[in-house]
Amino acid sequence: MIESINNLVKTLNQAQSELDYMKAFDSMSIPLRDFQKYYTWNQTHYTRNRISKTKKYELDLICFSINQTMPIVSISSTKTFIVNIEGSLLTEKYKKDMINGLVALSTVETGENNTIIALNPEDLFTQKNSSNLTAASLHLYLNPLHYLTEHLKDGSTHRKLVHYDSNYS
């Protein structure tokens, strides 16, 4: 059982396969107070807080104030694992349709620490704070992030360099 962020980072540093990373996320039992020291808040947008980065992975904590939403994005890494840390979040997946622009595929609502969502690089997704409180999710990217591609409802896209509100690595 992984009971601290330091132990999580040590375990991730020793991981050799995608399955090792998934097992690390699955065996977390980290108190909320440990994550809260990495929280930052902004009233106009969600925040991205880098906890750890190596050549193999990046670990970010995403914080959402009430009613905040992440834009629809695809990620420049090979695999993304997401677990909800606090509050309630909706994760929506989309596909690009040449006629209709973006089409919703699925929506998953997650409470605290109950579901690991796995995303591939071609997946388009967004997260929305669906609670009346703040919310936070932990994102593990296999291969560090370089950029995000934002996808607009009309089907157009633009690349965006990743911005960090705080960097602890």
C-alpha atoms as a PDB file:
ATOM      1  CA  MET A   1       0.000   0.000   0.000  1.00  0.00           C
ATOM      2  CA  ILE A   2       1.325   3.445  -0.954  1.00  0.00           C
ATOM      3  CA  GLU A   3       0.576   5.868   1.893  1.00  0.00           C
ATOM      4  CA  SER A   4       2.463   9.048   0.964  1.00  0.00           C
ATOM      5  CA  ILE A   5       3.245  11.129  -2.096  1.00  0.00           C
ATOM      6  CA  ASN A   6       6.966  10.524  -1.503  1.00  0.00           C
ATOM      7  CA  ASN A   7       6.386   6.757  -1.632  1.00  0.00           C
ATOM      8  CA  LEU A   8       4.242   7.157  -4.736  1.00  0.00           C
ATOM      9  CA  VAL A   9       7.038   9.065  -6.481  1.00  0.00           C
ATOM     10  CA  LYS A  10       9.610   6.432  -5.405  1.00  0.00           C
ATOM     11  CA  THR A  11       7.362   3.662  -6.741  1.00  0.00           C
ATOM     12  CA  LEU A  12       6.784   5.498 -10.030  1.00  0.00           C
ATOM     13  CA  ASN A  13      10.545   6.032 -10.381  1.00  0.00           C
ATOM     14  CA  GLN A  14      11.052   2.249 -10.155  1.00  0.00           C
ATOM     15  CA  ALA A  15       8.225   1.328 -12.554  1.00  0.00           C
ATOM     16  CA  GLN A  16       9.287  -0.584 -15.651  1.00  0.00           C
ATOM     17  CA  SER A  17       5.982  -1.040 -17.479  1.00  0.00           C
ATOM     18  CA  GLU A  18       2.553   0.491 -17.980  1.00  0.00           C
ATOM     19  CA  LEU A  19       1.193  -2.189 -15.664  1.00  0.00           C
ATOM     20  CA  ASP A  20       3.621  -1.102 -12.904  1.00  0.00           C
ATOM     21  CA  TYR A  21       2.331   2.484 -13.149  1.00  0.00           C
ATOM     22  CA  MET A  22      -1.281   1.303 -13.066  1.00  0.00           C
ATOM     23  CA  LYS A  23      -0.573  -0.885 -10.001  1.00  0.00           C
ATOM     24  CA  ALA A  24       1.029   2.086  -8.231  1.00  0.00           C
ATOM     25  CA  PHE A  25      -2.062   4.213  -8.830  1.00  0.00           C
ATOM     26  CA  ASP A  26      -4.310   1.346  -7.779  1.00  0.00           C
ATOM     27  CA  SER A  27      -2.471   0.804  -4.492  1.00  0.00           C
ATOM     28  CA  MET A  28      -2.612   4.427  -3.299  1.00  0.00           C
ATOM     29  CA  SER A  29      -4.007   5.115   0.140  1.00  0.00           C
ATOM     30  CA  ILE A  30      -2.636   8.629   0.544  1.00  0.00           C
ATOM     31  CA  PRO A  31      -4.357  10.997   2.992  1.00  0.00           C
ATOM     32  CA  LEU A  32      -6.019  14.021   1.416  1.00  0.00           C
ATOM     33  CA  ARG A  33      -3.886  16.382   3.539  1.00  0.00           C
ATOM     34  CA  ASP A  34      -0.774  15.139   1.692  1.00  0.00           C
ATOM     35  CA  PHE A  35      -2.214  16.303  -1.620  1.00  0.00           C
ATOM     36  CA  GLN A  36      -3.554  19.574  -0.230  1.00  0.00           C
ATOM     37  CA  LYS A  37      -0.042  21.025   0.178  1.00  0.00           C
ATOM     38  CA  TYR A  38       0.225  20.898  -3.656  1.00  0.00           C
ATOM     39  CA  TYR A  39      -3.111  22.641  -4.251  1.00  0.00           C
ATOM     40  CA  THR A  40      -3.284  26.027  -5.927  1.00  0.00           C
ATOM     41  CA  TRP A  41      -6.473  27.841  -6.847  1.00  0.00           C
ATOM     42  CA  ASN A  42      -7.390  30.388  -9.488  1.00  0.00           C
ATOM     43  CA  GLN A  43     -10.901  31.824  -9.794  1.00  0.00           C
ATOM     44  CA  THR A  44     -10.710  32.063 -13.602  1.00  0.00           C
ATOM     45  CA  HIS A  45      -9.267  28.654 -14.591  1.00  0.00           C
ATOM     46  CA  TYR A  46      -8.318  25.235 -13.306  1.00  0.00           C
ATOM     47  CA  THR A  47      -4.725  24.916 -12.093  1.00  0.00           C
ATOM     48  CA  ARG A  48      -2.010  22.426 -13.074  1.00  0.00           C
ATOM     49  CA  ASN A  49       0.519  21.616 -10.363  1.00  0.00           C
ATOM     50  CA  ARG A  50       3.485  19.437 -11.271  1.00  0.00           C
ATOM     51  CA  ILE A  51       4.487  17.096  -8.435  1.00  0.00           C
ATOM     52  CA  SER A  52       7.125  15.029 -10.239  1.00  0.00           C
ATOM     53  CA  LYS A  53       8.677  14.684 -13.685  1.00  0.00           C
ATOM     54  CA  THR A  54      11.247  12.242 -15.070  1.00  0.00           C
ATOM     55  CA  LYS A  55      12.139  11.110 -18.581  1.00  0.00           C
ATOM     56  CA  LYS A  56       9.492   8.367 -18.225  1.00  0.00           C
ATOM     57  CA  TYR A  57       6.519  10.094 -16.620  1.00  0.00           C
ATOM     58  CA  GLU A  58       4.940  13.250 -15.260  1.00  0.00           C
ATOM     59  CA  LEU A  59       2.669  13.483 -12.214  1.00  0.00           C
ATOM     60  CA  ASP A  60       0.355  16.509 -12.041  1.00  0.00           C
ATOM     61  CA  LEU A  61      -2.364  17.536  -9.620  1.00  0.00           C
ATOM     62  CA  ILE A  62      -5.224  19.393 -11.337  1.00  0.00           C
ATOM     63  CA  CYS A  63      -7.353  21.646  -9.091  1.00  0.00           C
ATOM     64  CA  PHE A  64     -10.840  22.880  -9.994  1.00  0.00           C
ATOM     65  CA  SER A  65     -12.718  25.649  -8.226  1.00  0.00           C
ATOM     66  CA  ILE A  66     -16.519  25.475  -8.234  1.00  0.00           C
ATOM     67  CA  ASN A  67     -17.981  25.180 -11.790  1.00  0.00           C
ATOM     68  CA  GLN A  68     -14.585  25.056 -13.497  1.00  0.00           C
ATOM     69  CA  THR A  69     -13.996  22.951 -16.605  1.00  0.00           C
ATOM     70  CA  MET A  70     -10.878  21.876 -18.443  1.00  0.00           C
ATOM     71  CA  PRO A  71     -11.042  22.518 -22.198  1.00  0.00           C
ATOM     72  CA  ILE A  72     -11.493  19.474 -24.445  1.00  0.00           C
ATOM     73  CA  VAL A  73      -7.927  18.271 -25.013  1.00  0.00           C
ATOM     74  CA  SER A  74      -5.793  15.459 -26.316  1.00  0.00           C
ATOM     75  CA  ILE A  75      -2.484  14.777 -24.612  1.00  0.00           C
ATOM     76  CA  SER A  76       1.017  14.548 -26.101  1.00  0.00           C
ATOM     77  CA  SER A  77       1.958  11.458 -24.083  1.00  0.00           C
ATOM     78  CA  THR A  78       1.507   7.747 -24.700  1.00  0.00           C
ATOM     79  CA  LYS A  79      -0.922   7.015 -21.875  1.00  0.00           C
ATOM     80  CA  THR A  80      -2.718   8.996 -19.187  1.00  0.00           C
ATOM     81  CA  PHE A  81      -4.096   7.684 -15.907  1.00  0.00           C
ATOM     82  CA  ILE A  82      -6.433   9.869 -13.846  1.00  0.00           C
ATOM     83  CA  VAL A  83      -7.739   9.353 -10.336  1.00  0.00           C
ATOM     84  CA  ASN A  84     -10.031  11.761  -8.532  1.00  0.00           C
ATOM     85  CA  ILE A  85      -8.558  12.977  -5.237  1.00  0.00           C
ATOM     86  CA  GLU A  86     -11.242  15.307  -3.901  1.00  0.00           C
ATOM     87  CA  GLY A  87     -14.778  16.320  -4.821  1.00  0.00           C
ATOM     88  CA  SER A  88     -16.728  15.001  -7.780  1.00  0.00           C
ATOM     89  CA  LEU A  89     -15.634  15.234 -11.409  1.00  0.00           C
ATOM     90  CA  LEU A  90     -17.209  14.440 -14.752  1.00  0.00           C
ATOM     91  CA  THR A  91     -14.786  13.111 -17.347  1.00  0.00           C
ATOM     92  CA  GLU A  92     -16.215  13.263 -20.863  1.00  0.00           C
ATOM     93  CA  LYS A  93     -14.690  11.613 -23.922  1.00  0.00           C
ATOM     94  CA  TYR A  94     -15.246  12.903 -27.442  1.00  0.00           C
ATOM     95  CA  LYS A  95     -14.494  11.925 -31.005  1.00  0.00           C
ATOM     96  CA  LYS A  96     -13.894  14.170 -33.959  1.00  0.00           C
ATOM     97  CA  ASP A  97     -16.533  13.982 -36.691  1.00  0.00           C
ATOM     98  CA  MET A  98     -15.868  15.678 -40.043  1.00  0.00           C
ATOM     99  CA  ILE A  99     -19.515  16.771 -40.345  1.00  0.00           C
ATOM    100  CA  ASN A 100     -20.590  17.504 -36.776  1.00  0.00           C
ATOM    101  CA  GLY A 101     -17.301  18.640 -35.217  1.00  0.00           C
ATOM    102  CA  LEU A 102     -16.917  17.061 -31.781  1.00  0.00           C
ATOM    103  CA  VAL A 103     -19.306  14.310 -30.740  1.00  0.00           C
ATOM    104  CA  ALA A 104     -19.636  13.148 -27.116  1.00  0.00           C
ATOM    105  CA  LEU A 105     -18.855   9.441 -26.633  1.00  0.00           C
ATOM    106  CA  SER A 106     -19.091   8.840 -22.897  1.00  0.00           C
ATOM    107  CA  THR A 107     -19.309  10.511 -19.518  1.00  0.00           C
ATOM    108  CA  VAL A 108     -17.991   9.088 -16.259  1.00  0.00           C
ATOM    109  CA  GLU A 109     -18.626  10.732 -12.901  1.00  0.00           C
ATOM    110  CA  THR A 110     -16.017   9.919 -10.282  1.00  0.00           C
ATOM    111  CA  GLY A 111     -15.975  10.477  -6.561  1.00  0.00           C
ATOM    112  CA  GLU A 112     -12.868  10.470  -4.423  1.00  0.00           C
ATOM    113  CA  ASN A 113     -10.354   7.669  -5.107  1.00  0.00           C
ATOM    114  CA  ASN A 114     -12.887   5.300  -6.631  1.00  0.00           C
ATOM    115  CA  THR A 115     -11.974   5.017 -10.312  1.00  0.00           C
ATOM    116  CA  ILE A 116      -8.854   5.119 -12.416  1.00  0.00           C
ATOM    117  CA  ILE A 117      -9.527   6.456 -15.890  1.00  0.00           C
ATOM    118  CA  ALA A 118      -7.061   5.407 -18.589  1.00  0.00           C
ATOM    119  CA  LEU A 119      -6.706   7.520 -21.738  1.00  0.00           C
ATOM    120  CA  ASN A 120      -4.759   6.965 -24.943  1.00  0.00           C
ATOM    121  CA  PRO A 121      -3.085   9.806 -26.881  1.00  0.00           C
ATOM    122  CA  GLU A 122      -5.849   9.875 -29.492  1.00  0.00           C
ATOM    123  CA  ASP A 123      -8.575  10.271 -26.844  1.00  0.00           C
ATOM    124  CA  LEU A 124     -10.206  13.688 -26.614  1.00  0.00           C
ATOM    125  CA  PHE A 125     -11.477  14.481 -23.126  1.00  0.00           C
ATOM    126  CA  THR A 126     -12.479  17.140 -20.658  1.00  0.00           C
ATOM    127  CA  GLN A 127     -13.006  17.227 -16.910  1.00  0.00           C
ATOM    128  CA  LYS A 128     -15.629  19.315 -15.115  1.00  0.00           C
ATOM    129  CA  ASN A 129     -16.078  19.953 -11.428  1.00  0.00           C
ATOM    130  CA  SER A 130     -19.565  18.530 -10.831  1.00  0.00           C
ATOM    131  CA  SER A 131     -19.713  19.302  -7.110  1.00  0.00           C
ATOM    132  CA  ASN A 132     -20.607  22.427  -5.181  1.00  0.00           C
ATOM    133  CA  LEU A 133     -17.128  22.357  -3.645  1.00  0.00           C
ATOM    134  CA  THR A 134     -13.590  22.364  -4.976  1.00  0.00           C
ATOM    135  CA  ALA A 135     -12.263  19.238  -6.688  1.00  0.00           C
ATOM    136  CA  ALA A 136      -8.857  17.806  -7.587  1.00  0.00           C
ATOM    137  CA  SER A 137      -7.570  14.962  -9.764  1.00  0.00           C
ATOM    138  CA  LEU A 138      -4.170  13.327 -10.042  1.00  0.00           C
ATOM    139  CA  HIS A 139      -2.894  12.839 -13.610  1.00  0.00           C
ATOM    140  CA  LEU A 140      -0.075  10.456 -14.482  1.00  0.00           C
ATOM    141  CA  TYR A 141       1.319  10.896 -18.001  1.00  0.00           C
ATOM    142  CA  LEU A 142       3.572   8.175 -19.383  1.00  0.00           C
ATOM    143  CA  ASN A 143       6.150  10.319 -21.107  1.00  0.00           C
ATOM    144  CA  PRO A 144       6.165  13.896 -19.831  1.00  0.00           C
ATOM    145  CA  LEU A 145       3.824  16.445 -21.340  1.00  0.00           C
ATOM    146  CA  HIS A 146       5.146  18.806 -23.974  1.00  0.00           C
ATOM    147  CA  TYR A 147       1.893  20.273 -25.240  1.00  0.00           C
ATOM    148  CA  LEU A 148      -1.869  19.878 -25.141  1.00  0.00           C
ATOM    149  CA  THR A 149      -4.063  20.053 -28.208  1.00  0.00           C
ATOM    150  CA  GLU A 150      -7.281  21.933 -27.457  1.00  0.00           C
ATOM    151  CA  HIS A 151     -10.304  20.890 -29.506  1.00  0.00           C
ATOM    152  CA  LEU A 152     -13.136  23.351 -30.089  1.00  0.00           C
ATOM    153  CA  LYS A 153     -16.753  22.264 -30.618  1.00  0.00           C
ATOM    154  CA  ASP A 154     -16.580  23.267 -34.308  1.00  0.00           C
ATOM    155  CA  GLY A 155     -13.794  20.724 -34.842  1.00  0.00           C
ATOM    156  CA  SER A 156     -10.897  23.193 -35.037  1.00  0.00           C
ATOM    157  CA  THR A 157      -7.797  22.657 -32.916  1.00  0.00           C
ATOM    158  CA  HIS A 158      -4.767  24.485 -31.613  1.00  0.00           C
ATOM    159  CA  ARG A 159      -1.671  23.335 -29.768  1.00  0.00           C
ATOM    160  CA  LYS A 160      -0.879  24.864 -26.446  1.00  0.00           C
ATOM    161  CA  LEU A 161       2.327  24.611 -24.441  1.00  0.00           C
ATOM    162  CA  VAL A 162       1.620  23.194 -21.016  1.00  0.00           C
ATOM    163  CA  HIS A 163       1.365  25.879 -18.319  1.00  0.00           C
ATOM    164  CA  TYR A 164       2.050  25.041 -14.672  1.00  0.00           C
ATOM    165  CA  ASP A 165       0.623  27.063 -11.823  1.00  0.00           C
ATOM    166  CA  SER A 166       3.198  25.465  -9.541  1.00  0.00           C
ATOM    167  CA  ASN A 167       6.161  23.172 -10.110  1.00  0.00           C
ATOM    168  CA  TYR A 168       7.495  20.960  -7.309  1.00  0.00           C
ATOM    169  CA  SER A 169       9.726  18.659  -9.356  1.00  0.00           C
END
